[in-house]
């Protein structure tokens, strides 16, 4: 059995200091910046941007044109849909009040943290600093401005929770006191605004 290899398309721009895990594929015109750490078996789509020092866990998928700005942290198995934006500046301005251009010393980086298995739908925007809980699902086009609990189904602008999802990504169905995944049969219980697997 041969060792897994890294596939980096010739048109991609990957910094020499970036660490790329075995089995990972980086597609055309993508930029991976200095000191980024990308786990094993990840897929980074065409024209994506991965900022300096970003950490992606194993088996993440970052789709075409997604922008992952530092200091974002993504757990294992995270899905980032096409044209998603993870921001990093709470108070964005190009210039200071005196009109001088802002430099890196004129603002404080804040990041988006996405826990294991969570999915961010196409063209969604996550406004840092926020944390997206494990296995949550943010719908396409949503704008996340507050922390998201694990397994939450979030939609809208600003994003609000309209239900729960299981690890299979399907909306959970109510069964008495439990929530049940129609795909896997996994059962969950809701307590104090959080969902826990039985």
N, C-alpha and C. Protein backbone atom coordinates (compact mmCIF):
# COMPACT_ATOMS: atom_id res chain seq x y z
N UNK A 1 0.85 -1.18 0.00
CA UNK A 1 0.00 0.00 0.00
C UNK A 1 0.89 1.24 0.00
N UNK A 2 0.62 2.18 -0.92
CA UNK A 2 1.46 3.37 -1.01
C UNK A 2 1.03 4.42 0.01
N UNK A 3 1.98 5.26 0.36
CA UNK A 3 1.71 6.34 1.31
C UNK A 3 0.81 7.40 0.67
N UNK A 4 -0.12 8.00 1.47
CA UNK A 4 -0.93 9.10 0.93
C UNK A 4 -0.02 10.26 0.51
N UNK A 5 -0.43 10.97 -0.48
CA UNK A 5 0.36 12.10 -0.95
C UNK A 5 -0.47 13.37 -0.93
N UNK A 6 0.21 14.48 -0.98
CA UNK A 6 -0.43 15.79 -1.05
C UNK A 6 -0.50 16.19 -2.52
N UNK A 7 -1.66 16.70 -2.94
CA UNK A 7 -1.82 17.20 -4.30
C UNK A 7 -1.99 18.71 -4.24
N UNK A 8 -1.06 19.43 -4.83
CA UNK A 8 -1.15 20.90 -4.89
C UNK A 8 -1.07 21.28 -6.36
N UNK A 9 -2.14 21.87 -6.87
CA UNK A 9 -2.15 22.29 -8.26
C UNK A 9 -1.08 23.35 -8.50
N UNK A 10 -0.52 23.36 -9.69
CA UNK A 10 0.59 24.25 -10.02
C UNK A 10 0.22 25.72 -9.85
N UNK A 11 -1.04 26.08 -10.09
CA UNK A 11 -1.43 27.49 -9.98
C UNK A 11 -1.71 27.94 -8.55
N UNK A 12 -1.70 27.01 -7.59
CA UNK A 12 -1.93 27.37 -6.19
C UNK A 12 -0.68 28.06 -5.64
N UNK A 13 -0.89 28.93 -4.65
CA UNK A 13 0.20 29.66 -4.00
C UNK A 13 0.23 29.21 -2.54
N UNK A 14 1.12 28.28 -2.23
CA UNK A 14 1.22 27.72 -0.88
C UNK A 14 2.54 28.15 -0.28
N UNK A 15 2.48 28.85 0.85
CA UNK A 15 3.70 29.34 1.51
C UNK A 15 4.58 28.16 1.93
N UNK A 16 5.89 28.30 1.80
CA UNK A 16 6.79 27.22 2.21
C UNK A 16 6.65 26.82 3.67
N UNK A 17 6.24 27.76 4.53
CA UNK A 17 6.10 27.46 5.96
C UNK A 17 4.76 26.83 6.32
N UNK A 18 3.84 26.71 5.37
CA UNK A 18 2.55 26.05 5.64
C UNK A 18 2.80 24.55 5.79
N UNK A 19 2.05 23.92 6.69
CA UNK A 19 2.16 22.47 6.89
C UNK A 19 0.88 21.83 6.36
N UNK A 20 1.04 20.90 5.43
CA UNK A 20 -0.09 20.28 4.74
C UNK A 20 -0.08 18.79 5.05
N UNK A 21 -1.22 18.26 5.55
CA UNK A 21 -1.30 16.85 5.92
C UNK A 21 -1.42 15.93 4.73
N UNK A 22 -1.04 14.67 4.93
CA UNK A 22 -1.12 13.65 3.88
C UNK A 22 -2.55 13.54 3.35
N UNK A 23 -2.64 13.29 2.06
CA UNK A 23 -3.94 13.08 1.42
C UNK A 23 -4.71 14.34 1.12
N UNK A 24 -4.17 15.51 1.46
CA UNK A 24 -4.86 16.77 1.24
C UNK A 24 -4.68 17.22 -0.21
N UNK A 25 -5.74 17.85 -0.75
CA UNK A 25 -5.74 18.33 -2.13
C UNK A 25 -6.02 19.84 -2.12
N UNK A 26 -5.17 20.59 -2.81
CA UNK A 26 -5.30 22.05 -2.89
C UNK A 26 -5.42 22.39 -4.36
N UNK A 27 -6.56 23.01 -4.74
CA UNK A 27 -6.89 23.20 -6.14
C UNK A 27 -6.45 24.55 -6.69
N UNK A 28 -6.76 24.78 -7.95
CA UNK A 28 -6.28 25.91 -8.74
C UNK A 28 -6.51 27.26 -8.06
N UNK A 29 -5.50 28.11 -8.14
CA UNK A 29 -5.56 29.53 -7.75
C UNK A 29 -5.84 29.75 -6.27
N UNK A 30 -5.71 28.73 -5.47
CA UNK A 30 -5.88 28.88 -4.02
C UNK A 30 -4.63 29.46 -3.41
N UNK A 31 -4.80 30.25 -2.34
CA UNK A 31 -3.66 30.78 -1.61
C UNK A 31 -3.70 30.25 -0.18
N UNK A 32 -2.61 29.63 0.24
CA UNK A 32 -2.44 29.17 1.62
C UNK A 32 -1.26 29.94 2.18
N UNK A 33 -1.51 30.75 3.21
CA UNK A 33 -0.51 31.69 3.72
C UNK A 33 0.45 31.05 4.71
N UNK A 34 1.38 31.87 5.16
CA UNK A 34 2.46 31.45 6.04
C UNK A 34 1.94 30.79 7.32
N UNK A 35 2.60 29.70 7.69
CA UNK A 35 2.37 29.00 8.97
C UNK A 35 0.96 28.42 9.12
N UNK A 36 0.19 28.38 8.04
CA UNK A 36 -1.10 27.69 8.11
C UNK A 36 -0.84 26.20 8.33
N UNK A 37 -1.76 25.56 9.06
CA UNK A 37 -1.66 24.12 9.33
C UNK A 37 -2.94 23.48 8.81
N UNK A 38 -2.81 22.63 7.82
CA UNK A 38 -3.97 21.95 7.22
C UNK A 38 -3.80 20.46 7.47
N UNK A 39 -4.83 19.84 8.06
CA UNK A 39 -4.75 18.45 8.46
C UNK A 39 -4.75 17.48 7.29
N UNK A 40 -4.87 16.22 7.62
CA UNK A 40 -4.89 15.14 6.63
C UNK A 40 -6.22 15.10 5.90
N UNK A 41 -6.18 14.66 4.65
CA UNK A 41 -7.38 14.37 3.86
C UNK A 41 -8.34 15.55 3.73
N UNK A 42 -7.80 16.75 3.67
CA UNK A 42 -8.62 17.95 3.45
C UNK A 42 -8.72 18.24 1.95
N UNK A 43 -9.76 18.98 1.58
CA UNK A 43 -9.90 19.48 0.21
C UNK A 43 -10.08 20.98 0.28
N UNK A 44 -9.21 21.71 -0.39
CA UNK A 44 -9.29 23.17 -0.45
C UNK A 44 -9.60 23.52 -1.90
N UNK A 45 -10.79 24.06 -2.15
CA UNK A 45 -11.30 24.29 -3.49
C UNK A 45 -10.64 25.45 -4.21
N UNK A 46 -11.02 25.60 -5.46
CA UNK A 46 -10.46 26.61 -6.35
C UNK A 46 -10.65 28.02 -5.78
N UNK A 47 -9.58 28.81 -5.84
CA UNK A 47 -9.60 30.23 -5.47
C UNK A 47 -9.97 30.49 -4.02
N UNK A 48 -9.77 29.50 -3.15
CA UNK A 48 -9.99 29.73 -1.72
C UNK A 48 -8.79 30.48 -1.14
N UNK A 49 -9.01 31.11 0.02
CA UNK A 49 -7.95 31.82 0.72
C UNK A 49 -7.88 31.29 2.14
N UNK A 50 -6.69 30.85 2.55
CA UNK A 50 -6.44 30.36 3.90
C UNK A 50 -5.37 31.26 4.50
N UNK A 51 -5.74 32.04 5.51
CA UNK A 51 -4.85 33.07 6.05
C UNK A 51 -3.69 32.53 6.87
N UNK A 52 -2.76 33.42 7.24
CA UNK A 52 -1.59 33.02 8.02
C UNK A 52 -1.98 32.40 9.36
N UNK A 53 -1.34 31.27 9.69
CA UNK A 53 -1.55 30.65 10.99
C UNK A 53 -2.87 29.96 11.18
N UNK A 54 -3.71 29.91 10.15
CA UNK A 54 -4.99 29.20 10.26
C UNK A 54 -4.72 27.74 10.56
N UNK A 55 -5.60 27.13 11.37
CA UNK A 55 -5.50 25.71 11.66
C UNK A 55 -6.78 25.02 11.20
N UNK A 56 -6.64 24.01 10.32
CA UNK A 56 -7.75 23.17 9.89
C UNK A 56 -7.48 21.76 10.37
N UNK A 57 -8.48 21.13 11.01
CA UNK A 57 -8.35 19.74 11.42
C UNK A 57 -8.39 18.80 10.22
N UNK A 58 -8.30 17.51 10.50
CA UNK A 58 -8.36 16.51 9.44
C UNK A 58 -9.72 16.50 8.76
N UNK A 59 -9.73 16.10 7.49
CA UNK A 59 -10.95 15.85 6.71
C UNK A 59 -11.86 17.06 6.59
N UNK A 60 -11.30 18.26 6.56
CA UNK A 60 -12.10 19.46 6.31
C UNK A 60 -12.27 19.65 4.81
N UNK A 61 -13.36 20.31 4.44
CA UNK A 61 -13.59 20.66 3.04
C UNK A 61 -13.89 22.15 2.98
N UNK A 62 -13.05 22.88 2.25
CA UNK A 62 -13.23 24.32 2.04
C UNK A 62 -13.52 24.50 0.56
N UNK A 63 -14.73 24.93 0.23
CA UNK A 63 -15.16 24.99 -1.15
C UNK A 63 -14.63 26.23 -1.88
N UNK A 64 -14.89 26.29 -3.18
CA UNK A 64 -14.38 27.35 -4.05
C UNK A 64 -14.71 28.75 -3.52
N UNK A 65 -13.73 29.62 -3.62
CA UNK A 65 -13.86 31.05 -3.32
C UNK A 65 -14.15 31.37 -1.85
N UNK A 66 -14.01 30.41 -0.95
CA UNK A 66 -14.18 30.69 0.48
C UNK A 66 -12.99 31.49 0.99
N UNK A 67 -13.24 32.36 1.95
CA UNK A 67 -12.21 33.22 2.53
C UNK A 67 -12.13 32.93 4.02
N UNK A 68 -11.04 32.32 4.45
CA UNK A 68 -10.85 31.94 5.85
C UNK A 68 -9.73 32.81 6.41
N UNK A 69 -10.12 33.89 7.08
CA UNK A 69 -9.15 34.86 7.57
C UNK A 69 -8.65 34.48 8.96
N UNK A 70 -7.37 34.76 9.17
CA UNK A 70 -6.73 34.50 10.45
C UNK A 70 -7.34 35.37 11.55
N UNK A 71 -7.43 34.85 12.77
CA UNK A 71 -6.92 33.60 13.31
C UNK A 71 -7.99 32.50 13.46
N UNK A 72 -8.72 32.19 12.40
CA UNK A 72 -9.75 31.14 12.49
C UNK A 72 -9.14 29.80 12.86
N UNK A 73 -9.95 28.99 13.55
CA UNK A 73 -9.57 27.63 13.94
C UNK A 73 -10.72 26.72 13.57
N UNK A 74 -10.44 25.69 12.76
CA UNK A 74 -11.48 24.75 12.32
C UNK A 74 -11.15 23.36 12.83
N UNK A 75 -12.13 22.71 13.47
CA UNK A 75 -11.95 21.35 13.95
C UNK A 75 -12.01 20.34 12.82
N UNK A 76 -11.90 19.08 13.17
CA UNK A 76 -11.94 18.01 12.18
C UNK A 76 -13.31 17.93 11.52
N UNK A 77 -13.31 17.61 10.23
CA UNK A 77 -14.56 17.37 9.52
C UNK A 77 -15.44 18.57 9.29
N UNK A 78 -14.88 19.77 9.33
CA UNK A 78 -15.67 21.00 9.11
C UNK A 78 -15.86 21.21 7.61
N UNK A 79 -17.07 21.63 7.23
CA UNK A 79 -17.41 21.96 5.84
C UNK A 79 -17.61 23.46 5.73
N UNK A 80 -16.88 24.07 4.79
CA UNK A 80 -17.01 25.50 4.49
C UNK A 80 -17.50 25.59 3.05
N UNK A 81 -18.71 26.08 2.84
CA UNK A 81 -19.33 26.12 1.52
C UNK A 81 -18.72 27.17 0.61
N UNK A 82 -19.14 27.16 -0.67
CA UNK A 82 -18.62 28.12 -1.63
C UNK A 82 -18.87 29.56 -1.20
N UNK A 83 -17.83 30.38 -1.33
CA UNK A 83 -17.91 31.83 -1.08
C UNK A 83 -18.25 32.20 0.35
N UNK A 84 -18.05 31.29 1.30
CA UNK A 84 -18.20 31.62 2.72
C UNK A 84 -17.10 32.60 3.11
N UNK A 85 -17.42 33.50 4.07
CA UNK A 85 -16.41 34.42 4.60
C UNK A 85 -16.37 34.28 6.12
N UNK A 86 -15.17 34.03 6.65
CA UNK A 86 -14.93 34.07 8.10
C UNK A 86 -14.12 35.33 8.36
N UNK A 87 -14.73 36.33 8.99
CA UNK A 87 -14.09 37.63 9.15
C UNK A 87 -13.09 37.62 10.31
N UNK A 88 -12.37 38.75 10.46
CA UNK A 88 -11.39 38.83 11.55
C UNK A 88 -11.22 40.23 12.13
N UNK A 89 -12.11 41.16 11.82
CA UNK A 89 -11.96 42.54 12.29
C UNK A 89 -13.30 43.03 12.80
N UNK A 90 -13.40 43.28 14.11
CA UNK A 90 -14.67 43.75 14.70
C UNK A 90 -15.06 45.15 14.24
N UNK A 91 -14.08 45.99 14.02
CA UNK A 91 -14.35 47.40 13.70
C UNK A 91 -13.57 47.79 12.44
N UNK A 92 -13.98 47.29 11.28
CA UNK A 92 -13.17 47.47 10.07
C UNK A 92 -13.16 48.92 9.57
N UNK A 93 -11.97 49.38 9.29
CA UNK A 93 -11.74 50.67 8.65
C UNK A 93 -10.47 50.54 7.83
N UNK A 94 -10.41 51.24 6.69
CA UNK A 94 -9.19 51.28 5.88
C UNK A 94 -8.21 52.31 6.39
N UNK A 95 -8.75 53.36 7.07
CA UNK A 95 -7.90 54.45 7.54
C UNK A 95 -8.20 54.74 9.00
N UNK A 96 -7.25 55.40 9.66
CA UNK A 96 -7.43 55.90 11.02
C UNK A 96 -8.21 57.22 10.97
N UNK A 97 -8.69 57.72 12.12
CA UNK A 97 -9.45 58.98 12.11
C UNK A 97 -8.69 60.16 11.50
N UNK A 98 -7.34 60.10 11.54
CA UNK A 98 -6.57 61.21 10.95
C UNK A 98 -6.36 61.04 9.44
N UNK A 99 -6.94 59.97 8.87
CA UNK A 99 -6.82 59.74 7.43
C UNK A 99 -5.63 58.88 7.02
N UNK A 100 -4.76 58.55 7.97
CA UNK A 100 -3.61 57.71 7.64
C UNK A 100 -4.05 56.26 7.44
N UNK A 101 -3.41 55.56 6.50
CA UNK A 101 -3.79 54.16 6.27
C UNK A 101 -3.56 53.31 7.51
N UNK A 102 -4.51 52.41 7.78
CA UNK A 102 -4.34 51.50 8.91
C UNK A 102 -3.25 50.49 8.62
N UNK A 103 -2.48 50.17 9.64
CA UNK A 103 -1.46 49.12 9.53
C UNK A 103 -1.88 47.97 10.44
N UNK A 104 -1.10 46.92 10.43
CA UNK A 104 -1.39 45.78 11.28
C UNK A 104 -1.39 46.12 12.76
N UNK A 105 -0.70 47.20 13.15
CA UNK A 105 -0.66 47.61 14.55
C UNK A 105 -1.90 48.41 14.97
N UNK A 106 -2.75 48.78 14.02
CA UNK A 106 -3.90 49.64 14.31
C UNK A 106 -5.19 48.87 14.57
N UNK A 107 -5.12 47.55 14.63
CA UNK A 107 -6.32 46.78 14.90
C UNK A 107 -5.95 45.45 15.53
N UNK A 108 -6.93 44.83 16.16
CA UNK A 108 -6.72 43.56 16.85
C UNK A 108 -7.45 42.46 16.11
N UNK A 109 -6.71 41.42 15.72
CA UNK A 109 -7.34 40.28 15.05
C UNK A 109 -8.26 39.54 16.02
N UNK A 110 -9.43 39.19 15.54
CA UNK A 110 -10.35 38.31 16.27
C UNK A 110 -10.76 37.21 15.29
N UNK A 111 -11.05 36.03 15.81
CA UNK A 111 -11.26 34.91 14.91
C UNK A 111 -12.58 34.21 15.07
N UNK A 112 -12.85 33.33 14.11
CA UNK A 112 -14.00 32.43 14.13
C UNK A 112 -13.48 31.05 14.48
N UNK A 113 -14.12 30.41 15.44
CA UNK A 113 -13.80 29.04 15.81
C UNK A 113 -14.96 28.15 15.40
N UNK A 114 -14.66 27.08 14.67
CA UNK A 114 -15.70 26.16 14.22
C UNK A 114 -15.33 24.77 14.71
N UNK A 115 -16.21 24.20 15.53
CA UNK A 115 -15.93 22.91 16.15
C UNK A 115 -16.22 21.75 15.22
N UNK A 116 -15.79 20.58 15.61
CA UNK A 116 -15.85 19.35 14.82
C UNK A 116 -17.19 19.14 14.11
N UNK A 117 -17.10 18.82 12.83
CA UNK A 117 -18.27 18.37 12.07
C UNK A 117 -19.26 19.43 11.66
N UNK A 118 -19.05 20.69 12.06
CA UNK A 118 -20.01 21.74 11.72
C UNK A 118 -19.91 22.09 10.24
N UNK A 119 -21.01 22.62 9.69
CA UNK A 119 -21.08 23.00 8.28
C UNK A 119 -21.57 24.42 8.13
N UNK A 120 -20.91 25.17 7.26
CA UNK A 120 -21.28 26.55 6.96
C UNK A 120 -21.69 26.60 5.49
N UNK A 121 -22.95 26.94 5.22
CA UNK A 121 -23.50 26.90 3.87
C UNK A 121 -22.98 28.01 2.97
N UNK A 122 -23.21 27.84 1.69
CA UNK A 122 -22.70 28.75 0.67
C UNK A 122 -23.06 30.20 0.96
N UNK A 123 -22.07 31.08 0.77
CA UNK A 123 -22.20 32.53 0.92
C UNK A 123 -22.60 32.99 2.32
N UNK A 124 -22.52 32.11 3.31
CA UNK A 124 -22.74 32.55 4.69
C UNK A 124 -21.54 33.38 5.13
N UNK A 125 -21.78 34.26 6.11
CA UNK A 125 -20.73 35.09 6.68
C UNK A 125 -20.75 34.89 8.19
N UNK A 126 -19.59 34.60 8.76
CA UNK A 126 -19.45 34.48 10.21
C UNK A 126 -18.63 35.68 10.69
N UNK A 127 -19.27 36.52 11.52
CA UNK A 127 -18.67 37.77 11.97
C UNK A 127 -17.91 37.51 13.26
N UNK A 128 -16.58 37.57 13.20
CA UNK A 128 -15.75 37.30 14.38
C UNK A 128 -15.91 38.41 15.42
N UNK A 129 -15.76 38.05 16.71
CA UNK A 129 -15.44 36.73 17.22
C UNK A 129 -16.71 35.91 17.50
N UNK A 130 -16.81 34.74 16.91
CA UNK A 130 -17.89 33.80 17.21
C UNK A 130 -17.34 32.38 17.22
N UNK A 131 -18.07 31.52 17.93
CA UNK A 131 -17.78 30.09 17.95
C UNK A 131 -19.00 29.35 17.43
N UNK A 132 -18.77 28.45 16.48
CA UNK A 132 -19.82 27.60 15.93
C UNK A 132 -19.63 26.22 16.56
N UNK A 133 -20.66 25.74 17.28
CA UNK A 133 -20.54 24.48 18.00
C UNK A 133 -20.47 23.27 17.08
N UNK A 134 -20.04 22.15 17.65
CA UNK A 134 -19.87 20.91 16.90
C UNK A 134 -21.17 20.48 16.23
N UNK A 135 -21.07 20.05 14.99
CA UNK A 135 -22.16 19.48 14.19
C UNK A 135 -23.29 20.47 13.91
N UNK A 136 -23.08 21.76 14.19
CA UNK A 136 -24.08 22.77 13.84
C UNK A 136 -24.14 22.91 12.32
N UNK A 137 -25.25 23.48 11.84
CA UNK A 137 -25.44 23.72 10.41
C UNK A 137 -25.91 25.15 10.22
N UNK A 138 -25.09 25.95 9.54
CA UNK A 138 -25.44 27.34 9.21
C UNK A 138 -25.90 27.34 7.77
N UNK A 139 -27.14 27.78 7.54
CA UNK A 139 -27.74 27.73 6.21
C UNK A 139 -27.05 28.70 5.25
N UNK A 140 -27.18 28.42 3.97
CA UNK A 140 -26.64 29.28 2.93
C UNK A 140 -27.15 30.70 3.10
N UNK A 141 -26.24 31.66 2.98
CA UNK A 141 -26.61 33.07 3.03
C UNK A 141 -26.82 33.65 4.41
N UNK A 142 -26.71 32.84 5.45
CA UNK A 142 -26.92 33.34 6.81
C UNK A 142 -25.75 34.23 7.23
N UNK A 143 -26.02 35.11 8.20
CA UNK A 143 -24.96 35.95 8.77
C UNK A 143 -24.94 35.68 10.28
N UNK A 144 -23.86 35.05 10.72
CA UNK A 144 -23.74 34.64 12.13
C UNK A 144 -23.05 35.76 12.91
N UNK A 145 -23.75 36.28 13.91
CA UNK A 145 -23.21 37.37 14.71
C UNK A 145 -23.04 36.99 16.18
N UNK A 146 -23.53 35.80 16.57
CA UNK A 146 -23.44 35.33 17.96
C UNK A 146 -23.00 33.87 17.95
N UNK A 147 -22.48 33.42 19.09
CA UNK A 147 -22.08 32.03 19.21
C UNK A 147 -23.24 31.10 18.89
N UNK A 148 -22.93 29.95 18.30
CA UNK A 148 -23.92 28.97 17.85
C UNK A 148 -23.74 27.70 18.66
N UNK A 149 -24.82 27.20 19.31
CA UNK A 149 -24.66 25.96 20.07
C UNK A 149 -24.43 24.75 19.17
N UNK A 150 -23.84 23.72 19.75
CA UNK A 150 -23.66 22.46 19.03
C UNK A 150 -25.00 21.96 18.52
N UNK A 151 -25.02 21.43 17.30
CA UNK A 151 -26.19 20.82 16.65
C UNK A 151 -27.28 21.82 16.25
N UNK A 152 -27.03 23.12 16.40
CA UNK A 152 -28.05 24.11 16.05
C UNK A 152 -28.20 24.23 14.54
N UNK A 153 -29.44 24.43 14.08
CA UNK A 153 -29.75 24.75 12.69
C UNK A 153 -30.03 26.24 12.62
N UNK A 154 -29.13 26.99 11.95
CA UNK A 154 -29.18 28.44 11.95
C UNK A 154 -29.52 28.96 10.56
N UNK A 155 -30.45 29.93 10.49
CA UNK A 155 -30.83 30.54 9.22
C UNK A 155 -31.02 32.04 9.41
N UNK A 156 -30.91 32.78 8.31
CA UNK A 156 -31.33 34.18 8.31
C UNK A 156 -30.23 35.20 8.56
N UNK A 157 -30.68 36.48 8.55
CA UNK A 157 -29.80 37.62 8.76
C UNK A 157 -30.47 38.54 9.78
N UNK A 158 -29.94 38.63 11.00
CA UNK A 158 -28.87 37.80 11.54
C UNK A 158 -29.37 36.37 11.77
N UNK A 159 -28.43 35.44 11.85
CA UNK A 159 -28.81 34.03 11.98
C UNK A 159 -29.51 33.77 13.30
N UNK A 160 -30.54 32.92 13.24
CA UNK A 160 -31.28 32.50 14.44
C UNK A 160 -31.51 31.00 14.34
N UNK A 161 -31.63 30.36 15.51
CA UNK A 161 -31.83 28.92 15.52
C UNK A 161 -33.29 28.60 15.26
N UNK A 162 -33.52 27.70 14.28
CA UNK A 162 -34.89 27.27 13.98
C UNK A 162 -35.10 25.79 14.26
N UNK A 163 -34.05 25.11 14.71
CA UNK A 163 -34.17 23.69 15.01
C UNK A 163 -32.82 23.12 15.36
N UNK A 164 -32.76 21.79 15.30
CA UNK A 164 -31.53 21.06 15.61
C UNK A 164 -31.20 20.11 14.47
N UNK A 165 -29.93 19.79 14.31
CA UNK A 165 -29.49 18.81 13.32
C UNK A 165 -28.62 17.76 14.01
N UNK A 166 -28.65 16.55 13.45
CA UNK A 166 -27.79 15.48 13.95
C UNK A 166 -26.46 15.46 13.21
N UNK A 167 -25.67 14.45 13.52
CA UNK A 167 -24.34 14.35 12.89
C UNK A 167 -24.44 14.06 11.40
N UNK A 168 -25.60 13.55 10.94
CA UNK A 168 -25.79 13.30 9.51
C UNK A 168 -26.19 14.57 8.76
N UNK A 169 -26.41 15.67 9.49
CA UNK A 169 -26.77 16.94 8.86
C UNK A 169 -28.24 17.13 8.61
N UNK A 170 -29.06 16.14 8.96
CA UNK A 170 -30.50 16.23 8.74
C UNK A 170 -31.18 16.89 9.93
N UNK A 171 -32.24 17.68 9.68
CA UNK A 171 -33.00 18.24 10.80
C UNK A 171 -33.56 17.12 11.67
N UNK A 172 -33.46 17.31 12.98
CA UNK A 172 -33.97 16.32 13.92
C UNK A 172 -35.48 16.45 14.05
N UNK A 173 -36.13 15.32 14.35
CA UNK A 173 -37.59 15.28 14.51
C UNK A 173 -37.92 14.97 15.97
N UNK A 174 -38.98 15.60 16.45
CA UNK A 174 -39.41 15.42 17.84
C UNK A 174 -40.04 14.04 18.00
N UNK A 175 -39.66 13.34 19.09
CA UNK A 175 -40.27 12.06 19.46
C UNK A 175 -40.42 12.06 20.97
N UNK A 176 -41.57 12.53 21.44
CA UNK A 176 -41.78 12.68 22.88
C UNK A 176 -40.83 13.71 23.44
N UNK A 177 -40.02 13.30 24.42
CA UNK A 177 -39.04 14.20 25.02
C UNK A 177 -37.74 14.26 24.22
N UNK A 178 -37.58 13.36 23.26
CA UNK A 178 -36.33 13.25 22.51
C UNK A 178 -36.42 13.96 21.17
N UNK A 179 -35.23 14.20 20.61
CA UNK A 179 -35.07 14.60 19.23
C UNK A 179 -34.37 13.44 18.53
N UNK A 180 -34.84 13.07 17.33
CA UNK A 180 -34.33 11.87 16.65
C UNK A 180 -33.87 12.24 15.24
N UNK A 181 -32.71 11.68 14.85
CA UNK A 181 -32.21 11.88 13.49
C UNK A 181 -32.89 10.88 12.56
N UNK A 182 -33.59 11.36 11.51
CA UNK A 182 -34.28 10.45 10.60
C UNK A 182 -33.32 9.61 9.75
N UNK A 183 -32.06 10.03 9.64
CA UNK A 183 -31.09 9.28 8.83
C UNK A 183 -30.38 8.20 9.64
N UNK A 184 -29.96 8.53 10.85
CA UNK A 184 -29.13 7.60 11.64
C UNK A 184 -29.87 6.93 12.79
N UNK A 185 -31.01 7.52 13.20
CA UNK A 185 -31.71 7.02 14.37
C UNK A 185 -31.13 7.49 15.69
N UNK A 186 -30.03 8.27 15.65
CA UNK A 186 -29.46 8.79 16.89
C UNK A 186 -30.49 9.63 17.63
N UNK A 187 -30.45 9.53 18.95
CA UNK A 187 -31.41 10.24 19.78
C UNK A 187 -30.68 11.28 20.63
N UNK A 188 -31.35 12.42 20.81
CA UNK A 188 -30.79 13.53 21.55
C UNK A 188 -31.84 14.05 22.54
N UNK A 189 -31.36 14.71 23.58
CA UNK A 189 -32.25 15.36 24.52
C UNK A 189 -31.83 16.82 24.64
N UNK A 190 -32.82 17.71 24.74
CA UNK A 190 -32.56 19.15 24.87
C UNK A 190 -32.66 19.54 26.33
N UNK A 191 -31.66 20.29 26.80
CA UNK A 191 -31.66 20.74 28.19
C UNK A 191 -31.01 22.11 28.28
N UNK A 192 -31.73 23.09 28.82
CA UNK A 192 -31.22 24.45 28.99
C UNK A 192 -30.64 25.03 27.71
N UNK A 193 -31.35 24.85 26.59
CA UNK A 193 -30.93 25.45 25.33
C UNK A 193 -29.78 24.75 24.64
N UNK A 194 -29.44 23.56 25.12
CA UNK A 194 -28.36 22.79 24.48
C UNK A 194 -28.86 21.38 24.19
N UNK A 195 -28.26 20.74 23.20
CA UNK A 195 -28.65 19.41 22.78
C UNK A 195 -27.55 18.43 23.16
N UNK A 196 -27.95 17.27 23.70
CA UNK A 196 -27.00 16.25 24.14
C UNK A 196 -27.42 14.91 23.57
N UNK A 197 -26.44 14.16 23.06
CA UNK A 197 -26.71 12.84 22.53
C UNK A 197 -26.97 11.86 23.65
N UNK A 198 -27.98 11.02 23.46
CA UNK A 198 -28.28 9.98 24.49
C UNK A 198 -27.30 8.85 24.38
